[in-house]
């Protein structure tokens, strides 16, 4: 039996840590939605971003 503990490097899960500036009013709405839905702020932001990027149309 091995006593070796194996851990993955951060970021190997497909996620990257970034900093984002968000208006206070938007953050308040996100926090409210997170509390109502029982998701963490991070989980909810990822859900919102994923659904939004699929529905963007760039106008020329």
PDB file of N, CA and C in Angstrom:
ATOM      1  N   UNK A   1       0.850  -1.185   0.000  1.00  0.00           N
ATOM      2  CA  UNK A   1       0.000   0.000   0.000  1.00  0.00           C
ATOM      3  C   UNK A   1       0.889   1.239   0.000  1.00  0.00           C
ATOM      4  N   UNK A   2       0.624   2.161  -0.901  1.00  0.00           N
ATOM      5  CA  UNK A   2       1.420   3.370  -1.050  1.00  0.00           C
ATOM      6  C   UNK A   2       0.864   4.504  -0.195  1.00  0.00           C
ATOM      7  N   UNK A   3       1.751   5.279   0.388  1.00  0.00           N
ATOM      8  CA  UNK A   3       1.352   6.449   1.166  1.00  0.00           C
ATOM      9  C   UNK A   3       1.423   7.730   0.339  1.00  0.00           C
ATOM     10  N   UNK A   4       1.594   7.589  -0.951  1.00  0.00           N
ATOM     11  CA  UNK A   4       1.717   8.735  -1.834  1.00  0.00           C
ATOM     12  C   UNK A   4       0.352   9.365  -2.072  1.00  0.00           C
ATOM     13  N   UNK A   5       0.313  10.678  -1.940  1.00  0.00           N
ATOM     14  CA  UNK A   5      -0.905  11.428  -2.235  1.00  0.00           C
ATOM     15  C   UNK A   5      -0.709  12.092  -3.584  1.00  0.00           C
ATOM     16  N   UNK A   6      -1.621  11.846  -4.497  1.00  0.00           N
ATOM     17  CA  UNK A   6      -1.531  12.434  -5.830  1.00  0.00           C
ATOM     18  C   UNK A   6      -2.557  13.544  -5.958  1.00  0.00           C
ATOM     19  N   UNK A   7      -2.122  14.689  -6.417  1.00  0.00           N
ATOM     20  CA  UNK A   7      -3.021  15.810  -6.660  1.00  0.00           C
ATOM     21  C   UNK A   7      -2.754  16.348  -8.056  1.00  0.00           C
ATOM     22  N   UNK A   8      -3.792  16.931  -8.658  1.00  0.00           N
ATOM     23  CA  UNK A   8      -3.650  17.545  -9.963  1.00  0.00           C
ATOM     24  C   UNK A   8      -3.235  18.997  -9.788  1.00  0.00           C
ATOM     25  N   UNK A   9      -2.490  19.503 -10.754  1.00  0.00           N
ATOM     26  CA  UNK A   9      -2.162  20.914 -10.761  1.00  0.00           C
ATOM     27  C   UNK A   9      -3.445  21.704 -10.953  1.00  0.00           C
ATOM     28  N   UNK A  10      -3.489  22.881 -10.352  1.00  0.00           N
ATOM     29  CA  UNK A  10      -4.637  23.749 -10.543  1.00  0.00           C
ATOM     30  C   UNK A  10      -4.803  24.071 -12.015  1.00  0.00           C
ATOM     31  N   UNK A  11      -6.030  24.080 -12.475  1.00  0.00           N
ATOM     32  CA  UNK A  11      -6.296  24.400 -13.868  1.00  0.00           C
ATOM     33  C   UNK A  11      -6.460  23.169 -14.737  1.00  0.00           C
ATOM     34  N   UNK A  12      -6.053  22.010 -14.254  1.00  0.00           N
ATOM     35  CA  UNK A  12      -6.175  20.787 -15.045  1.00  0.00           C
ATOM     36  C   UNK A  12      -7.622  20.325 -15.193  1.00  0.00           C
ATOM     37  N   UNK A  13      -8.559  20.993 -14.519  1.00  0.00           N
ATOM     38  CA  UNK A  13      -9.961  20.610 -14.612  1.00  0.00           C
ATOM     39  C   UNK A  13     -10.684  21.330 -15.757  1.00  0.00           C
ATOM     40  N   UNK A  14      -9.924  22.075 -16.561  1.00  0.00           N
ATOM     41  CA  UNK A  14     -10.522  22.775 -17.682  1.00  0.00           C
ATOM     42  C   UNK A  14     -10.927  24.203 -17.345  1.00  0.00           C
ATOM     43  N   UNK A  15     -10.807  24.590 -16.096  1.00  0.00           N
ATOM     44  CA  UNK A  15     -11.149  25.937 -15.669  1.00  0.00           C
ATOM     45  C   UNK A  15      -9.886  26.769 -15.510  1.00  0.00           C
ATOM     46  N   UNK A  16     -10.022  28.072 -15.662  1.00  0.00           N
ATOM     47  CA  UNK A  16      -8.939  29.019 -15.436  1.00  0.00           C
ATOM     48  C   UNK A  16      -9.438  30.080 -14.467  1.00  0.00           C
ATOM     49  N   UNK A  17      -8.574  30.514 -13.601  1.00  0.00           N
ATOM     50  CA  UNK A  17      -8.912  31.571 -12.655  1.00  0.00           C
ATOM     51  C   UNK A  17      -8.609  32.907 -13.325  1.00  0.00           C
ATOM     52  N   UNK A  18      -9.614  33.798 -13.332  1.00  0.00           N
ATOM     53  CA  UNK A  18      -9.450  35.125 -13.920  1.00  0.00           C
ATOM     54  C   UNK A  18     -10.050  36.162 -12.974  1.00  0.00           C
ATOM     55  N   UNK A  19      -9.725  37.397 -13.209  1.00  0.00           N
ATOM     56  CA  UNK A  19     -10.344  38.503 -12.482  1.00  0.00           C
ATOM     57  C   UNK A  19     -11.271  39.244 -13.431  1.00  0.00           C
ATOM     58  N   UNK A  20     -12.432  39.633 -12.916  1.00  0.00           N
ATOM     59  CA  UNK A  20     -13.409  40.338 -13.723  1.00  0.00           C
ATOM     60  C   UNK A  20     -13.989  41.475 -12.891  1.00  0.00           C
ATOM     61  N   UNK A  21     -14.121  42.630 -13.500  1.00  0.00           N
ATOM     62  CA  UNK A  21     -14.793  43.747 -12.832  1.00  0.00           C
ATOM     63  C   UNK A  21     -16.277  43.679 -13.173  1.00  0.00           C
ATOM     64  N   UNK A  22     -17.123  43.707 -12.144  1.00  0.00           N
ATOM     65  CA  UNK A  22     -18.571  43.623 -12.336  1.00  0.00           C
ATOM     66  C   UNK A  22     -19.222  44.769 -11.576  1.00  0.00           C
ATOM     67  N   UNK A  23     -20.172  45.420 -12.197  1.00  0.00           N
ATOM     68  CA  UNK A  23     -20.894  46.504 -11.523  1.00  0.00           C
ATOM     69  C   UNK A  23     -21.587  45.963 -10.280  1.00  0.00           C
ATOM     70  N   UNK A  24     -21.644  46.796  -9.243  1.00  0.00           N
ATOM     71  CA  UNK A  24     -22.223  46.369  -7.972  1.00  0.00           C
ATOM     72  C   UNK A  24     -23.668  45.903  -8.104  1.00  0.00           C
ATOM     73  N   UNK A  25     -24.451  46.598  -8.934  1.00  0.00           N
ATOM     74  CA  UNK A  25     -25.851  46.223  -9.114  1.00  0.00           C
ATOM     75  C   UNK A  25     -26.000  44.841  -9.739  1.00  0.00           C
ATOM     76  N   UNK A  26     -25.155  44.539 -10.713  1.00  0.00           N
ATOM     77  CA  UNK A  26     -25.193  43.229 -11.374  1.00  0.00           C
ATOM     78  C   UNK A  26     -24.760  42.145 -10.386  1.00  0.00           C
ATOM     79  N   UNK A  27     -23.717  42.442  -9.613  1.00  0.00           N
ATOM     80  CA  UNK A  27     -23.247  41.471  -8.626  1.00  0.00           C
ATOM     81  C   UNK A  27     -24.314  41.193  -7.566  1.00  0.00           C
ATOM     82  N   UNK A  28     -25.040  42.216  -7.178  1.00  0.00           N
ATOM     83  CA  UNK A  28     -26.137  42.024  -6.212  1.00  0.00           C
ATOM     84  C   UNK A  28     -27.210  41.102  -6.775  1.00  0.00           C
ATOM     85  N   UNK A  29     -27.531  41.290  -8.057  1.00  0.00           N
ATOM     86  CA  UNK A  29     -28.527  40.425  -8.698  1.00  0.00           C
ATOM     87  C   UNK A  29     -28.025  38.984  -8.781  1.00  0.00           C
ATOM     88  N   UNK A  30     -26.741  38.824  -9.116  1.00  0.00           N
ATOM     89  CA  UNK A  30     -26.148  37.478  -9.188  1.00  0.00           C
ATOM     90  C   UNK A  30     -26.177  36.823  -7.818  1.00  0.00           C
ATOM     91  N   UNK A  31     -25.811  37.566  -6.786  1.00  0.00           N
ATOM     92  CA  UNK A  31     -25.826  37.015  -5.432  1.00  0.00           C
ATOM     93  C   UNK A  31     -27.230  36.624  -4.999  1.00  0.00           C
ATOM     94  N   UNK A  32     -28.211  37.429  -5.388  1.00  0.00           N
ATOM     95  CA  UNK A  32     -29.602  37.115  -5.060  1.00  0.00           C
ATOM     96  C   UNK A  32     -30.049  35.838  -5.768  1.00  0.00           C
ATOM     97  N   UNK A  33     -29.726  35.730  -7.053  1.00  0.00           N
ATOM     98  CA  UNK A  33     -30.073  34.525  -7.809  1.00  0.00           C
ATOM     99  C   UNK A  33     -29.362  33.296  -7.247  1.00  0.00           C
ATOM    100  N   UNK A  34     -28.115  33.472  -6.846  1.00  0.00           N
ATOM    101  CA  UNK A  34     -27.351  32.358  -6.274  1.00  0.00           C
ATOM    102  C   UNK A  34     -28.010  31.877  -4.978  1.00  0.00           C
ATOM    103  N   UNK A  35     -28.423  32.803  -4.147  1.00  0.00           N
ATOM    104  CA  UNK A  35     -29.077  32.435  -2.882  1.00  0.00           C
ATOM    105  C   UNK A  35     -30.409  31.727  -3.137  1.00  0.00           C
ATOM    106  N   UNK A  36     -31.175  32.226  -4.099  1.00  0.00           N
ATOM    107  CA  UNK A  36     -32.476  31.631  -4.417  1.00  0.00           C
ATOM    108  C   UNK A  36     -32.345  30.244  -5.028  1.00  0.00           C
ATOM    109  N   UNK A  37     -31.293  30.040  -5.827  1.00  0.00           N
ATOM    110  CA  UNK A  37     -31.147  28.785  -6.563  1.00  0.00           C
ATOM    111  C   UNK A  37     -30.273  27.760  -5.846  1.00  0.00           C
ATOM    112  N   UNK A  38     -29.642  28.195  -4.756  1.00  0.00           N
ATOM    113  CA  UNK A  38     -28.744  27.330  -3.985  1.00  0.00           C
ATOM    114  C   UNK A  38     -27.494  26.939  -4.769  1.00  0.00           C
ATOM    115  N   UNK A  39     -27.101  27.764  -5.738  1.00  0.00           N
ATOM    116  CA  UNK A  39     -25.826  27.619  -6.435  1.00  0.00           C
ATOM    117  C   UNK A  39     -24.836  28.583  -5.807  1.00  0.00           C
ATOM    118  N   UNK A  40     -23.554  28.266  -5.908  1.00  0.00           N
ATOM    119  CA  UNK A  40     -22.550  29.234  -5.485  1.00  0.00           C
ATOM    120  C   UNK A  40     -22.506  30.351  -6.519  1.00  0.00           C
ATOM    121  N   UNK A  41     -21.943  31.474  -6.126  1.00  0.00           N
ATOM    122  CA  UNK A  41     -21.788  32.584  -7.065  1.00  0.00           C
ATOM    123  C   UNK A  41     -21.003  32.125  -8.289  1.00  0.00           C
ATOM    124  N   UNK A  42     -19.925  31.396  -8.061  1.00  0.00           N
ATOM    125  CA  UNK A  42     -19.085  30.925  -9.157  1.00  0.00           C
ATOM    126  C   UNK A  42     -19.852  30.004 -10.106  1.00  0.00           C
ATOM    127  N   UNK A  43     -20.588  29.049  -9.547  1.00  0.00           N
ATOM    128  CA  UNK A  43     -21.365  28.128 -10.378  1.00  0.00           C
ATOM    129  C   UNK A  43     -22.382  28.887 -11.223  1.00  0.00           C
ATOM    130  N   UNK A  44     -23.063  29.837 -10.599  1.00  0.00           N
ATOM    131  CA  UNK A  44     -24.090  30.584 -11.308  1.00  0.00           C
ATOM    132  C   UNK A  44     -23.482  31.449 -12.413  1.00  0.00           C
ATOM    133  N   UNK A  45     -22.380  32.110 -12.127  1.00  0.00           N
ATOM    134  CA  UNK A  45     -21.718  32.923 -13.152  1.00  0.00           C
ATOM    135  C   UNK A  45     -21.315  32.052 -14.332  1.00  0.00           C
ATOM    136  N   UNK A  46     -20.795  30.867 -14.077  1.00  0.00           N
ATOM    137  CA  UNK A  46     -20.429  29.959 -15.172  1.00  0.00           C
ATOM    138  C   UNK A  46     -21.642  29.541 -15.986  1.00  0.00           C
ATOM    139  N   UNK A  47     -22.751  29.256 -15.329  1.00  0.00           N
ATOM    140  CA  UNK A  47     -23.985  28.893 -16.029  1.00  0.00           C
ATOM    141  C   UNK A  47     -24.444  30.049 -16.922  1.00  0.00           C
ATOM    142  N   UNK A  48     -24.440  31.256 -16.367  1.00  0.00           N
ATOM    143  CA  UNK A  48     -24.885  32.424 -17.119  1.00  0.00           C
ATOM    144  C   UNK A  48     -23.978  32.710 -18.310  1.00  0.00           C
ATOM    145  N   UNK A  49     -22.675  32.603 -18.110  1.00  0.00           N
ATOM    146  CA  UNK A  49     -21.740  32.859 -19.204  1.00  0.00           C
ATOM    147  C   UNK A  49     -21.885  31.806 -20.293  1.00  0.00           C
ATOM    148  N   UNK A  50     -21.959  30.542 -19.907  1.00  0.00           N
ATOM    149  CA  UNK A  50     -22.091  29.471 -20.901  1.00  0.00           C
ATOM    150  C   UNK A  50     -23.340  29.640 -21.750  1.00  0.00           C
ATOM    151  N   UNK A  51     -24.451  29.978 -21.110  1.00  0.00           N
ATOM    152  CA  UNK A  51     -25.682  30.136 -21.885  1.00  0.00           C
ATOM    153  C   UNK A  51     -25.632  31.391 -22.751  1.00  0.00           C
ATOM    154  N   UNK A  52     -24.938  32.408 -22.282  1.00  0.00           N
ATOM    155  CA  UNK A  52     -24.867  33.660 -23.042  1.00  0.00           C
ATOM    156  C   UNK A  52     -23.970  33.556 -24.269  1.00  0.00           C
ATOM    157  N   UNK A  53     -22.818  32.928 -24.137  1.00  0.00           N
ATOM    158  CA  UNK A  53     -21.901  32.878 -25.283  1.00  0.00           C
ATOM    159  C   UNK A  53     -22.475  32.067 -26.437  1.00  0.00           C
ATOM    160  N   UNK A  54     -23.401  31.179 -26.145  1.00  0.00           N
ATOM    161  CA  UNK A  54     -24.037  30.389 -27.201  1.00  0.00           C
ATOM    162  C   UNK A  54     -25.073  31.205 -27.965  1.00  0.00           C
ATOM    163  N   UNK A  55     -25.487  32.329 -27.396  1.00  0.00           N
ATOM    164  CA  UNK A  55     -26.569  33.120 -27.994  1.00  0.00           C
ATOM    165  C   UNK A  55     -26.121  34.515 -28.419  1.00  0.00           C
ATOM    166  N   UNK A  56     -24.850  34.681 -28.695  1.00  0.00           N
ATOM    167  CA  UNK A  56     -24.327  35.976 -29.121  1.00  0.00           C
ATOM    168  C   UNK A  56     -24.273  36.021 -30.646  1.00  0.00           C
ATOM    169  N   UNK A  57     -24.737  37.132 -31.187  1.00  0.00           N
ATOM    170  CA  UNK A  57     -24.636  37.351 -32.620  1.00  0.00           C
ATOM    171  C   UNK A  57     -23.924  38.677 -32.806  1.00  0.00           C
ATOM    172  N   UNK A  58     -22.812  38.667 -33.509  1.00  0.00           N
ATOM    173  CA  UNK A  58     -22.027  39.879 -33.713  1.00  0.00           C
ATOM    174  C   UNK A  58     -22.510  40.567 -34.985  1.00  0.00           C
ATOM    175  N   UNK A  59     -22.881  41.812 -34.834  1.00  0.00           N
ATOM    176  CA  UNK A  59     -23.334  42.599 -35.984  1.00  0.00           C
ATOM    177  C   UNK A  59     -22.169  43.293 -36.626  1.00  0.00           C
ATOM    178  N   UNK A  60     -22.179  43.338 -37.923  1.00  0.00           N
ATOM    179  CA  UNK A  60     -21.119  44.019 -38.690  1.00  0.00           C
ATOM    180  C   UNK A  60     -21.434  45.481 -38.818  1.00  0.00           C
TER     181      UNK A  60
END
